[in-house]
Amino acid sequence: MASPPSPPQRKNGGFSRQAALAMELPFLIVGGALVGGFFGFLLDRYLHTKPYLMLVFGAIGFAVGVRDLIRRLGKDDTDASGRSQQ
């Protein structure tokens, strides 16, 4: 018995997909830093520790944004079969 035909392989992104990814990535870093800094600002106001927690949480938000950026770029490097392109 013949095996069923394999599904057509997707291209790993055309121009529009790459442009959308390039437009999205800066917002990850900036958004992470702003959200972390905002939560730090709120905690600073509550605990009267200005500006230390805002700086700490802003740096944590920046690190999370960079980690998400690396994760999304790594996911974009996999092909349709799930193997890494090297």
PDB file of N, CA and C in Angstrom:
ATOM      1  N   MET A   1       0.821  -1.175   0.000  1.00  0.00           N
ATOM      2  CA  MET A   1       0.000   0.000   0.000  1.00  0.00           C
ATOM      3  C   MET A   1       0.871   1.247   0.000  1.00  0.00           C
ATOM      4  N   ALA A   2       0.501   2.220  -0.772  1.00  0.00           N
ATOM      5  CA  ALA A   2       1.283   3.448  -0.878  1.00  0.00           C
ATOM      6  C   ALA A   2       0.971   4.368   0.299  1.00  0.00           C
ATOM      7  N   SER A   3       1.972   5.087   0.712  1.00  0.00           N
ATOM      8  CA  SER A   3       1.761   6.023   1.818  1.00  0.00           C
ATOM      9  C   SER A   3       1.015   7.255   1.294  1.00  0.00           C
ATOM     10  N   PRO A   4       0.262   7.908   2.171  1.00  0.00           N
ATOM     11  CA  PRO A   4      -0.482   9.102   1.737  1.00  0.00           C
ATOM     12  C   PRO A   4       0.498  10.200   1.343  1.00  0.00           C
ATOM     13  N   PRO A   5       0.093  11.052   0.428  1.00  0.00           N
ATOM     14  CA  PRO A   5       1.006  12.126  -0.006  1.00  0.00           C
ATOM     15  C   PRO A   5       1.283  13.092   1.146  1.00  0.00           C
ATOM     16  N   SER A   6       2.506  13.558   1.188  1.00  0.00           N
ATOM     17  CA  SER A   6       2.869  14.496   2.251  1.00  0.00           C
ATOM     18  C   SER A   6       2.246  15.857   1.955  1.00  0.00           C
ATOM     19  N   PRO A   7       1.921  16.603   2.995  1.00  0.00           N
ATOM     20  CA  PRO A   7       1.331  17.928   2.773  1.00  0.00           C
ATOM     21  C   PRO A   7       2.350  18.852   2.122  1.00  0.00           C
ATOM     22  N   PRO A   8       1.886  19.820   1.386  1.00  0.00           N
ATOM     23  CA  PRO A   8       2.828  20.745   0.741  1.00  0.00           C
ATOM     24  C   PRO A   8       3.601  21.529   1.786  1.00  0.00           C
ATOM     25  N   GLN A   9       4.887  21.713   1.532  1.00  0.00           N
ATOM     26  CA  GLN A   9       5.708  22.451   2.484  1.00  0.00           C
ATOM     27  C   GLN A   9       5.494  23.946   2.315  1.00  0.00           C
ATOM     28  N   ARG A  10       5.392  24.602   3.453  1.00  0.00           N
ATOM     29  CA  ARG A  10       5.229  26.053   3.429  1.00  0.00           C
ATOM     30  C   ARG A  10       6.584  26.707   3.210  1.00  0.00           C
ATOM     31  N   LYS A  11       6.551  27.834   2.565  1.00  0.00           N
ATOM     32  CA  LYS A  11       7.767  28.627   2.501  1.00  0.00           C
ATOM     33  C   LYS A  11       7.977  29.219   3.881  1.00  0.00           C
ATOM     34  N   ASN A  12       9.214  29.437   4.229  1.00  0.00           N
ATOM     35  CA  ASN A  12       9.514  29.946   5.561  1.00  0.00           C
ATOM     36  C   ASN A  12       9.272  31.434   5.675  1.00  0.00           C
ATOM     37  N   GLY A  13       8.445  31.963   4.860  1.00  0.00           N
ATOM     38  CA  GLY A  13       8.060  33.363   4.977  1.00  0.00           C
ATOM     39  C   GLY A  13       8.429  34.131   3.737  1.00  0.00           C
ATOM     40  N   GLY A  14       7.490  34.838   3.255  1.00  0.00           N
ATOM     41  CA  GLY A  14       7.743  35.725   2.143  1.00  0.00           C
ATOM     42  C   GLY A  14       8.109  37.095   2.664  1.00  0.00           C
ATOM     43  N   PHE A  15       8.095  38.028   1.765  1.00  0.00           N
ATOM     44  CA  PHE A  15       8.462  39.391   2.129  1.00  0.00           C
ATOM     45  C   PHE A  15       7.516  39.968   3.172  1.00  0.00           C
ATOM     46  N   SER A  16       6.220  39.735   3.002  1.00  0.00           N
ATOM     47  CA  SER A  16       5.260  40.328   3.940  1.00  0.00           C
ATOM     48  C   SER A  16       5.390  39.728   5.332  1.00  0.00           C
ATOM     49  N   ARG A  17       5.683  38.433   5.411  1.00  0.00           N
ATOM     50  CA  ARG A  17       5.860  37.794   6.723  1.00  0.00           C
ATOM     51  C   ARG A  17       7.104  38.339   7.424  1.00  0.00           C
ATOM     52  N   GLN A  18       8.177  38.510   6.678  1.00  0.00           N
ATOM     53  CA  GLN A  18       9.402  39.047   7.260  1.00  0.00           C
ATOM     54  C   GLN A  18       9.231  40.503   7.659  1.00  0.00           C
ATOM     55  N   ALA A  19       8.497  41.264   6.873  1.00  0.00           N
ATOM     56  CA  ALA A  19       8.255  42.663   7.217  1.00  0.00           C
ATOM     57  C   ALA A  19       7.402  42.772   8.478  1.00  0.00           C
ATOM     58  N   ALA A  20       6.409  41.909   8.598  1.00  0.00           N
ATOM     59  CA  ALA A  20       5.563  41.923   9.794  1.00  0.00           C
ATOM     60  C   ALA A  20       6.381  41.568  11.031  1.00  0.00           C
ATOM     61  N   LEU A  21       7.274  40.602  10.906  1.00  0.00           N
ATOM     62  CA  LEU A  21       8.124  40.216  12.033  1.00  0.00           C
ATOM     63  C   LEU A  21       9.070  41.362  12.399  1.00  0.00           C
ATOM     64  N   ALA A  22       9.621  42.035  11.397  1.00  0.00           N
ATOM     65  CA  ALA A  22      10.535  43.150  11.657  1.00  0.00           C
ATOM     66  C   ALA A  22       9.816  44.326  12.313  1.00  0.00           C
ATOM     67  N   MET A  23       8.537  44.510  11.999  1.00  0.00           N
ATOM     68  CA  MET A  23       7.780  45.600  12.620  1.00  0.00           C
ATOM     69  C   MET A  23       7.376  45.248  14.050  1.00  0.00           C
ATOM     70  N   GLU A  24       7.240  43.977  14.340  1.00  0.00           N
ATOM     71  CA  GLU A  24       6.770  43.539  15.655  1.00  0.00           C
ATOM     72  C   GLU A  24       7.886  43.488  16.690  1.00  0.00           C
ATOM     73  N   LEU A  25       9.081  43.127  16.292  1.00  0.00           N
ATOM     74  CA  LEU A  25      10.152  42.867  17.241  1.00  0.00           C
ATOM     75  C   LEU A  25      10.555  44.061  18.098  1.00  0.00           C
ATOM     76  N   PRO A  26      10.665  45.275  17.576  1.00  0.00           N
ATOM     77  CA  PRO A  26      11.025  46.393  18.467  1.00  0.00           C
ATOM     78  C   PRO A  26       9.994  46.639  19.568  1.00  0.00           C
ATOM     79  N   PHE A  27       8.735  46.358  19.281  1.00  0.00           N
ATOM     80  CA  PHE A  27       7.699  46.566  20.294  1.00  0.00           C
ATOM     81  C   PHE A  27       7.826  45.582  21.446  1.00  0.00           C
ATOM     82  N   LEU A  28       8.414  44.416  21.196  1.00  0.00           N
ATOM     83  CA  LEU A  28       8.619  43.446  22.271  1.00  0.00           C
ATOM     84  C   LEU A  28       9.567  44.004  23.325  1.00  0.00           C
ATOM     85  N   ILE A  29      10.664  44.565  22.874  1.00  0.00           N
ATOM     86  CA  ILE A  29      11.671  45.071  23.815  1.00  0.00           C
ATOM     87  C   ILE A  29      11.146  46.311  24.540  1.00  0.00           C
ATOM     88  N   VAL A  30      10.625  47.255  23.779  1.00  0.00           N
ATOM     89  CA  VAL A  30      10.142  48.500  24.383  1.00  0.00           C
ATOM     90  C   VAL A  30       8.952  48.223  25.295  1.00  0.00           C
ATOM     91  N   GLY A  31       8.040  47.380  24.834  1.00  0.00           N
ATOM     92  CA  GLY A  31       6.865  47.058  25.646  1.00  0.00           C
ATOM     93  C   GLY A  31       7.236  46.368  26.944  1.00  0.00           C
ATOM     94  N   GLY A  32       8.181  45.444  26.888  1.00  0.00           N
ATOM     95  CA  GLY A  32       8.612  44.760  28.110  1.00  0.00           C
ATOM     96  C   GLY A  32       9.222  45.719  29.105  1.00  0.00           C
ATOM     97  N   ALA A  33      10.078  46.619  28.626  1.00  0.00           N
ATOM     98  CA  ALA A  33      10.711  47.582  29.521  1.00  0.00           C
ATOM     99  C   ALA A  33       9.685  48.558  30.109  1.00  0.00           C
ATOM    100  N   LEU A  34       8.717  48.988  29.287  1.00  0.00           N
ATOM    101  CA  LEU A  34       7.707  49.925  29.791  1.00  0.00           C
ATOM    102  C   LEU A  34       6.782  49.276  30.809  1.00  0.00           C
ATOM    103  N   VAL A  35       6.343  48.063  30.531  1.00  0.00           N
ATOM    104  CA  VAL A  35       5.444  47.387  31.473  1.00  0.00           C
ATOM    105  C   VAL A  35       6.171  47.098  32.783  1.00  0.00           C
ATOM    106  N   GLY A  36       7.409  46.600  32.696  1.00  0.00           N
ATOM    107  CA  GLY A  36       8.186  46.353  33.913  1.00  0.00           C
ATOM    108  C   GLY A  36       8.446  47.630  34.684  1.00  0.00           C
ATOM    109  N   GLY A  37       8.805  48.700  33.974  1.00  0.00           N
ATOM    110  CA  GLY A  37       9.041  49.983  34.639  1.00  0.00           C
ATOM    111  C   GLY A  37       7.785  50.537  35.283  1.00  0.00           C
ATOM    112  N   PHE A  38       6.637  50.328  34.639  1.00  0.00           N
ATOM    113  CA  PHE A  38       5.375  50.818  35.216  1.00  0.00           C
ATOM    114  C   PHE A  38       5.038  50.079  36.509  1.00  0.00           C
ATOM    115  N   PHE A  39       5.208  48.748  36.498  1.00  0.00           N
ATOM    116  CA  PHE A  39       4.947  47.996  37.735  1.00  0.00           C
ATOM    117  C   PHE A  39       5.938  48.392  38.830  1.00  0.00           C
ATOM    118  N   GLY A  40       7.185  48.636  38.444  1.00  0.00           N
ATOM    119  CA  GLY A  40       8.169  49.110  39.418  1.00  0.00           C
ATOM    120  C   GLY A  40       7.807  50.477  39.957  1.00  0.00           C
ATOM    121  N   PHE A  41       7.302  51.356  39.092  1.00  0.00           N
ATOM    122  CA  PHE A  41       6.868  52.685  39.525  1.00  0.00           C
ATOM    123  C   PHE A  41       5.741  52.577  40.547  1.00  0.00           C
ATOM    124  N   LEU A  42       4.766  51.699  40.265  1.00  0.00           N
ATOM    125  CA  LEU A  42       3.660  51.527  41.211  1.00  0.00           C
ATOM    126  C   LEU A  42       4.145  50.984  42.553  1.00  0.00           C
ATOM    127  N   LEU A  43       5.052  50.025  42.506  1.00  0.00           N
ATOM    128  CA  LEU A  43       5.595  49.490  43.761  1.00  0.00           C
ATOM    129  C   LEU A  43       6.434  50.534  44.490  1.00  0.00           C
ATOM    130  N   ASP A  44       7.162  51.343  43.742  1.00  0.00           N
ATOM    131  CA  ASP A  44       7.934  52.415  44.366  1.00  0.00           C
ATOM    132  C   ASP A  44       7.035  53.401  45.096  1.00  0.00           C
ATOM    133  N   ARG A  45       5.925  53.751  44.490  1.00  0.00           N
ATOM    134  CA  ARG A  45       5.004  54.680  45.152  1.00  0.00           C
ATOM    135  C   ARG A  45       4.411  54.052  46.409  1.00  0.00           C
ATOM    136  N   TYR A  46       4.111  52.764  46.350  1.00  0.00           N
ATOM    137  CA  TYR A  46       3.493  52.082  47.488  1.00  0.00           C
ATOM    138  C   TYR A  46       4.507  51.872  48.616  1.00  0.00           C
ATOM    139  N   LEU A  47       5.739  51.507  48.265  1.00  0.00           N
ATOM    140  CA  LEU A  47       6.752  51.185  49.268  1.00  0.00           C
ATOM    141  C   LEU A  47       7.700  52.350  49.575  1.00  0.00           C
ATOM    142  N   HIS A  48       7.555  53.482  48.875  1.00  0.00           N
ATOM    143  CA  HIS A  48       8.380  54.670  49.077  1.00  0.00           C
ATOM    144  C   HIS A  48       9.867  54.352  48.888  1.00  0.00           C
ATOM    145  N   THR A  49      10.194  53.705  47.774  1.00  0.00           N
ATOM    146  CA  THR A  49      11.577  53.330  47.486  1.00  0.00           C
ATOM    147  C   THR A  49      12.045  53.913  46.155  1.00  0.00           C
ATOM    148  N   LYS A  50      11.554  55.084  45.786  1.00  0.00           N
ATOM    149  CA  LYS A  50      11.856  55.660  44.467  1.00  0.00           C
ATOM    150  C   LYS A  50      13.347  55.736  44.239  1.00  0.00           C
ATOM    151  N   PRO A  51      13.858  55.540  43.091  1.00  0.00           N
ATOM    152  CA  PRO A  51      13.419  54.933  41.849  1.00  0.00           C
ATOM    153  C   PRO A  51      13.924  53.507  41.685  1.00  0.00           C
ATOM    154  N   TYR A  52      14.296  52.858  42.767  1.00  0.00           N
ATOM    155  CA  TYR A  52      15.021  51.584  42.674  1.00  0.00           C
ATOM    156  C   TYR A  52      14.198  50.475  42.041  1.00  0.00           C
ATOM    157  N   LEU A  53      12.987  50.275  42.491  1.00  0.00           N
ATOM    158  CA  LEU A  53      12.190  49.178  41.936  1.00  0.00           C
ATOM    159  C   LEU A  53      11.802  49.433  40.485  1.00  0.00           C
ATOM    160  N   MET A  54      11.619  50.689  40.117  1.00  0.00           N
ATOM    161  CA  MET A  54      11.315  51.002  38.727  1.00  0.00           C
ATOM    162  C   MET A  54      12.484  50.601  37.826  1.00  0.00           C
ATOM    163  N   LEU A  55      13.702  50.865  38.263  1.00  0.00           N
ATOM    164  CA  LEU A  55      14.876  50.472  37.484  1.00  0.00           C
ATOM    165  C   LEU A  55      15.026  48.959  37.418  1.00  0.00           C
ATOM    166  N   VAL A  56      14.812  48.298  38.545  1.00  0.00           N
ATOM    167  CA  VAL A  56      14.963  46.839  38.587  1.00  0.00           C
ATOM    168  C   VAL A  56      13.908  46.167  37.713  1.00  0.00           C
ATOM    169  N   PHE A  57      12.655  46.558  37.878  1.00  0.00           N
ATOM    170  CA  PHE A  57      11.590  45.928  37.098  1.00  0.00           C
ATOM    171  C   PHE A  57      11.670  46.322  35.621  1.00  0.00           C
ATOM    172  N   GLY A  58      12.153  47.530  35.317  1.00  0.00           N
ATOM    173  CA  GLY A  58      12.369  47.911  33.930  1.00  0.00           C
ATOM    174  C   GLY A  58      13.438  47.048  33.281  1.00  0.00           C
ATOM    175  N   ALA A  59      14.510  46.761  34.015  1.00  0.00           N
ATOM    176  CA  ALA A  59      15.567  45.891  33.488  1.00  0.00           C
ATOM    177  C   ALA A  59      15.063  44.461  33.314  1.00  0.00           C
ATOM    178  N   ILE A  60      14.253  43.993  34.247  1.00  0.00           N
ATOM    179  CA  ILE A  60      13.676  42.653  34.109  1.00  0.00           C
ATOM    180  C   ILE A  60      12.743  42.598  32.910  1.00  0.00           C
ATOM    181  N   GLY A  61      11.943  43.630  32.714  1.00  0.00           N
ATOM    182  CA  GLY A  61      11.067  43.683  31.548  1.00  0.00           C
ATOM    183  C   GLY A  61      11.846  43.713  30.243  1.00  0.00           C
ATOM    184  N   PHE A  62      12.961  44.438  30.223  1.00  0.00           N
ATOM    185  CA  PHE A  62      13.817  44.467  29.043  1.00  0.00           C
ATOM    186  C   PHE A  62      14.385  43.082  28.759  1.00  0.00           C
ATOM    187  N   ALA A  63      14.851  42.398  29.801  1.00  0.00           N
ATOM    188  CA  ALA A  63      15.412  41.050  29.630  1.00  0.00           C
ATOM    189  C   ALA A  63      14.351  40.077  29.120  1.00  0.00           C
ATOM    190  N   VAL A  64      13.143  40.189  29.630  1.00  0.00           N
ATOM    191  CA  VAL A  64      12.053  39.322  29.158  1.00  0.00           C
ATOM    192  C   VAL A  64      11.730  39.629  27.695  1.00  0.00           C
ATOM    193  N   GLY A  65      11.759  40.899  27.317  1.00  0.00           N
ATOM    194  CA  GLY A  65      11.522  41.269  25.924  1.00  0.00           C
ATOM    195  C   GLY A  65      12.589  40.709  24.993  1.00  0.00           C
ATOM    196  N   VAL A  66      13.849  40.752  25.412  1.00  0.00           N
ATOM    197  CA  VAL A  66      14.932  40.195  24.605  1.00  0.00           C
ATOM    198  C   VAL A  66      14.795  38.679  24.506  1.00  0.00           C
ATOM    199  N   ARG A  67      14.418  38.031  25.614  1.00  0.00           N
ATOM    200  CA  ARG A  67      14.230  36.577  25.593  1.00  0.00           C
ATOM    201  C   ARG A  67      13.105  36.190  24.636  1.00  0.00           C
ATOM    202  N   ASP A  68      12.023  36.951  24.638  1.00  0.00           N
ATOM    203  CA  ASP A  68      10.914  36.672  23.729  1.00  0.00           C
ATOM    204  C   ASP A  68      11.320  36.924  22.282  1.00  0.00           C
ATOM    205  N   LEU A  69      12.131  37.966  22.054  1.00  0.00           N
ATOM    206  CA  LEU A  69      12.628  38.249  20.716  1.00  0.00           C
ATOM    207  C   LEU A  69      13.462  37.077  20.201  1.00  0.00           C
ATOM    208  N   ILE A  70      14.352  36.557  21.024  1.00  0.00           N
ATOM    209  CA  ILE A  70      15.188  35.421  20.627  1.00  0.00           C
ATOM    210  C   ILE A  70      14.329  34.193  20.379  1.00  0.00           C
ATOM    211  N   ARG A  71      13.312  33.979  21.205  1.00  0.00           N
ATOM    212  CA  ARG A  71      12.428  32.831  21.019  1.00  0.00           C
ATOM    213  C   ARG A  71      11.668  32.930  19.697  1.00  0.00           C
ATOM    214  N   ARG A  72      11.180  34.119  19.375  1.00  0.00           N
ATOM    215  CA  ARG A  72      10.433  34.278  18.120  1.00  0.00           C
ATOM    216  C   ARG A  72      11.336  34.153  16.902  1.00  0.00           C
ATOM    217  N   LEU A  73      12.544  34.663  16.992  1.00  0.00           N
ATOM    218  CA  LEU A  73      13.471  34.518  15.872  1.00  0.00           C
ATOM    219  C   LEU A  73      13.889  33.061  15.702  1.00  0.00           C
ATOM    220  N   GLY A  74      14.046  32.339  16.803  1.00  0.00           N
ATOM    221  CA  GLY A  74      14.384  30.924  16.723  1.00  0.00           C
ATOM    222  C   GLY A  74      13.254  30.105  16.150  1.00  0.00           C
ATOM    223  N   LYS A  75      12.016  30.467  16.482  1.00  0.00           N
ATOM    224  CA  LYS A  75      10.858  29.765  15.936  1.00  0.00           C
ATOM    225  C   LYS A  75      10.738  30.017  14.446  1.00  0.00           C
ATOM    226  N   ASP A  76      11.156  31.186  13.984  1.00  0.00           N
ATOM    227  CA  ASP A  76      11.085  31.515  12.574  1.00  0.00           C
ATOM    228  C   ASP A  76      12.136  30.744  11.771  1.00  0.00           C
ATOM    229  N   ASP A  77      13.189  30.246  12.434  1.00  0.00           N
ATOM    230  CA  ASP A  77      14.254  29.514  11.739  1.00  0.00           C
ATOM    231  C   ASP A  77      13.948  28.039  11.551  1.00  0.00           C
ATOM    232  N   THR A  78      12.818  27.557  12.053  1.00  0.00           N
ATOM    233  CA  THR A  78      12.483  26.154  11.855  1.00  0.00           C
ATOM    234  C   THR A  78      11.690  25.999  10.586  1.00  0.00           C
ATOM    235  N   ASP A  79      11.883  24.864   9.924  1.00  0.00           N
ATOM    236  CA  ASP A  79      11.136  24.648   8.691  1.00  0.00           C
ATOM    237  C   ASP A  79       9.824  23.918   8.983  1.00  0.00           C
ATOM    238  N   ALA A  80       9.098  23.564   7.961  1.00  0.00           N
ATOM    239  CA  ALA A  80       7.764  22.988   8.131  1.00  0.00           C
ATOM    240  C   ALA A  80       7.796  21.640   8.852  1.00  0.00           C
ATOM    241  N   SER A  81       8.905  20.914   8.757  1.00  0.00           N
ATOM    242  CA  SER A  81       8.959  19.598   9.401  1.00  0.00           C
ATOM    243  C   SER A  81       9.362  19.691  10.870  1.00  0.00           C
ATOM    244  N   GLY A  82       9.695  20.887  11.330  1.00  0.00           N
ATOM    245  CA  GLY A  82      10.036  21.072  12.739  1.00  0.00           C
ATOM    246  C   GLY A  82      11.512  20.957  13.014  1.00  0.00           C
ATOM    247  N   ARG A  83      12.328  20.723  11.993  1.00  0.00           N
ATOM    248  CA  ARG A  83      13.764  20.626  12.189  1.00  0.00           C
ATOM    249  C   ARG A  83      14.389  22.001  11.996  1.00  0.00           C
ATOM    250  N   SER A  84      15.495  22.255  12.694  1.00  0.00           N
ATOM    251  CA  SER A  84      16.188  23.524  12.541  1.00  0.00           C
ATOM    252  C   SER A  84      16.920  23.568  11.226  1.00  0.00           C
ATOM    253  N   GLN A  85      16.929  24.737  10.628  1.00  0.00           N
ATOM    254  CA  GLN A  85      17.707  24.929   9.406  1.00  0.00           C
ATOM    255  C   GLN A  85      19.092  25.378   9.809  1.00  0.00           C
ATOM    256  N   GLN A  86      20.110  24.604   9.459  1.00  0.00           N
ATOM    257  CA  GLN A  86      21.472  24.976   9.824  1.00  0.00           C
ATOM    258  C   GLN A  86      22.366  24.985   8.634  1.00  0.00           C
TER     259      GLN A  86
END
